[in-house]
């Protein structure tokens, strides 16, 4: 399986999981998690929804691919999620926290709250299987300035 990540750091340590809550975890010292997506475009969408101000938006992004050998990633049973899961982060955070502490697999495929038929993958980088992944730089790319212009332009309805 090939997954993708946008990051300024060429590593999969998951340190950010200790610093801020995410859709699928709550932060605490020693709790590490890495978020990836099944498509590069989904990585960008996931990043955009977390940018509050135009000046927070980076001028460029670094895209990585991650080769994940078969058998290391489980898939979340969507039946565990209520219809309103996208608006209830406490549900997804509990599921993700339970998965992290259970240490049952290196990765877990979960639905994207932005595009629910697409998949994100959360990784537990504290498991020894993390060494079996191959992180590759795809490239550094400029962001298309039309992305933010469209969301701020009054000719277009709010998204």
Protein backbone atom coordinates (compact mmCIF):
# COMPACT_ATOMS: atom_id res chain seq x y z
CA UNK A 1 0.00 0.00 0.00
CA UNK A 2 1.23 3.50 -0.75
CA UNK A 3 0.16 6.32 1.54
CA UNK A 4 0.98 10.03 1.43
CA UNK A 5 1.97 12.70 3.90
CA UNK A 6 2.49 16.47 3.69
CA UNK A 7 5.13 17.56 6.16
CA UNK A 8 8.18 19.76 6.52
CA UNK A 9 9.88 16.90 8.34
CA UNK A 10 11.22 13.77 6.63
CA UNK A 11 10.34 11.42 9.46
CA UNK A 12 7.52 9.35 10.95
CA UNK A 13 8.16 9.93 14.67
CA UNK A 14 4.66 11.23 15.42
CA UNK A 15 5.91 13.88 17.82
CA UNK A 16 3.02 16.15 16.85
CA UNK A 17 0.67 13.73 18.61
CA UNK A 18 2.15 14.86 21.90
CA UNK A 19 1.54 18.52 21.07
CA UNK A 20 -2.03 18.79 19.78
CA UNK A 21 -5.28 16.85 19.65
CA UNK A 22 -6.32 15.42 16.30
CA UNK A 23 -9.42 13.86 14.78
CA UNK A 24 -8.35 10.39 15.96
CA UNK A 25 -6.42 11.08 19.20
CA UNK A 26 -6.00 13.32 22.21
CA UNK A 27 -2.54 14.63 22.98
CA UNK A 28 -0.47 13.66 25.96
CA UNK A 29 3.23 13.16 26.65
CA UNK A 30 4.47 9.90 25.17
CA UNK A 31 1.46 9.42 22.87
CA UNK A 32 2.66 9.55 19.30
CA UNK A 33 0.65 9.26 16.11
CA UNK A 34 1.24 9.91 12.40
CA UNK A 35 -1.56 10.89 10.02
CA UNK A 36 -1.35 9.90 6.34
CA UNK A 37 -3.82 9.75 3.45
CA UNK A 38 -4.56 7.40 0.58
CA UNK A 39 -4.11 10.16 -2.02
CA UNK A 40 -1.92 13.28 -2.23
CA UNK A 41 -4.95 15.52 -2.88
CA UNK A 42 -6.59 14.33 0.32
CA UNK A 43 -3.45 15.34 2.24
CA UNK A 44 -3.88 18.88 0.91
CA UNK A 45 -7.61 19.00 1.72
CA UNK A 46 -6.95 17.77 5.25
CA UNK A 47 -4.37 20.51 5.71
CA UNK A 48 -6.60 23.25 4.29
CA UNK A 49 -9.42 22.54 6.75
CA UNK A 50 -7.00 23.18 9.62
CA UNK A 51 -5.76 26.57 8.38
CA UNK A 52 -7.64 29.43 10.03
CA UNK A 53 -5.98 32.45 8.47
CA UNK A 54 -4.46 33.07 5.06
CA UNK A 55 -1.11 33.97 6.62
CA UNK A 56 -0.97 30.49 8.20
CA UNK A 57 -1.06 28.91 4.76
CA UNK A 58 2.42 27.84 3.63
CA UNK A 59 3.79 28.99 0.29
CA UNK A 60 4.84 25.45 -0.59
CA UNK A 61 4.50 21.91 0.66
CA UNK A 62 6.68 18.85 0.83
CA UNK A 63 4.98 15.61 -0.20
CA UNK A 64 6.15 12.18 0.90
CA UNK A 65 5.01 8.73 -0.13
CA UNK A 66 5.17 5.91 2.38
CA UNK A 67 5.44 2.30 1.24
CA UNK A 68 3.59 0.10 3.73
CA UNK A 69 4.04 -3.68 3.45
CA UNK A 70 0.90 -5.85 3.44
CA UNK A 71 -0.46 -7.01 6.77
CA UNK A 72 0.56 -4.00 8.86
CA UNK A 73 -2.63 -1.94 8.55
CA UNK A 74 -6.14 -2.74 9.79
CA UNK A 75 -9.34 -1.02 8.64
CA UNK A 76 -11.77 0.58 11.04
CA UNK A 77 -15.24 -0.95 10.87
CA UNK A 78 -17.38 2.00 9.71
CA UNK A 79 -20.27 0.45 11.64
CA UNK A 80 -18.59 1.68 14.83
CA UNK A 81 -19.25 5.27 13.75
CA UNK A 82 -22.63 6.97 14.21
CA UNK A 83 -24.08 9.06 11.38
CA UNK A 84 -22.92 12.25 13.12
CA UNK A 85 -19.31 11.15 13.68
CA UNK A 86 -17.80 14.03 11.69
CA UNK A 87 -19.19 16.51 14.21
CA UNK A 88 -18.28 14.46 17.29
CA UNK A 89 -14.53 14.33 17.71
CA UNK A 90 -14.87 12.73 21.15
CA UNK A 91 -16.07 9.55 19.42
CA UNK A 92 -13.23 9.38 16.90
CA UNK A 93 -10.67 10.37 19.53
CA UNK A 94 -11.79 7.55 21.81
CA UNK A 95 -11.61 5.03 18.96
CA UNK A 96 -8.15 6.25 17.98
CA UNK A 97 -6.88 6.37 21.57
CA UNK A 98 -8.15 2.82 22.18
CA UNK A 99 -6.49 1.63 18.98
CA UNK A 100 -3.17 3.29 19.93
CA UNK A 101 -3.14 1.80 23.43
CA UNK A 102 -4.19 -1.64 22.12
CA UNK A 103 -1.06 -1.84 19.90
CA UNK A 104 -2.84 -4.36 17.62
CA UNK A 105 -1.45 -3.07 14.33
CA UNK A 106 0.99 -0.48 13.02
CA UNK A 107 -1.73 1.36 11.11
CA UNK A 108 -5.47 1.86 11.01
CA UNK A 109 -7.39 3.04 7.93
CA UNK A 110 -10.11 5.47 8.96
CA UNK A 111 -12.59 7.54 6.94
CA UNK A 112 -11.73 11.13 6.16
CA UNK A 113 -14.11 13.64 7.74
CA UNK A 114 -13.56 15.85 4.69
CA UNK A 115 -14.23 13.14 2.06
CA UNK A 116 -15.76 10.15 3.91
CA UNK A 117 -15.30 7.69 1.02
CA UNK A 118 -11.56 8.42 1.08
CA UNK A 119 -9.26 7.03 3.73
CA UNK A 120 -6.71 8.44 6.09
CA UNK A 121 -4.35 6.16 7.92
CA UNK A 122 -3.14 6.66 11.45
CA UNK A 123 0.14 5.03 12.43
CA UNK A 124 1.51 4.10 15.83
CA UNK A 125 5.20 4.98 15.39
CA UNK A 126 6.10 3.45 18.75
CA UNK A 127 5.68 -0.07 17.36
CA UNK A 128 8.81 -1.80 16.01
CA UNK A 129 7.13 -2.43 12.62
CA UNK A 130 7.57 1.28 11.85
CA UNK A 131 11.08 0.35 10.66
CA UNK A 132 9.53 -1.66 7.80
CA UNK A 133 8.06 1.48 6.18
CA UNK A 134 9.86 3.36 3.43
CA UNK A 135 9.47 7.12 3.39
CA UNK A 136 10.26 8.78 0.05
CA UNK A 137 10.28 12.43 -0.89
CA UNK A 138 7.99 12.93 -3.87
CA UNK A 139 8.85 16.62 -4.12
CA UNK A 140 8.36 20.15 -2.86
CA UNK A 141 5.58 22.01 -4.62
CA UNK A 142 4.14 25.53 -4.48
CA UNK A 143 0.56 25.86 -3.30
CA UNK A 144 -1.85 27.03 -5.96
CA UNK A 145 -2.88 30.52 -4.80
CA UNK A 146 -6.38 29.97 -6.22
CA UNK A 147 -7.19 27.64 -3.32
CA UNK A 148 -7.48 30.40 -0.75
CA UNK A 149 -8.66 33.02 -3.23
CA UNK A 150 -11.69 30.88 -4.05
CA UNK A 151 -12.66 30.47 -0.40
CA UNK A 152 -12.41 34.24 0.22
CA UNK A 153 -13.88 35.50 -3.08
CA UNK A 154 -17.44 36.81 -2.66
CA UNK A 155 -18.37 35.62 -6.18
CA UNK A 156 -18.33 32.07 -4.85
CA UNK A 157 -20.66 30.80 -2.15
CA UNK A 158 -18.96 29.72 1.08
CA UNK A 159 -17.88 26.09 1.02
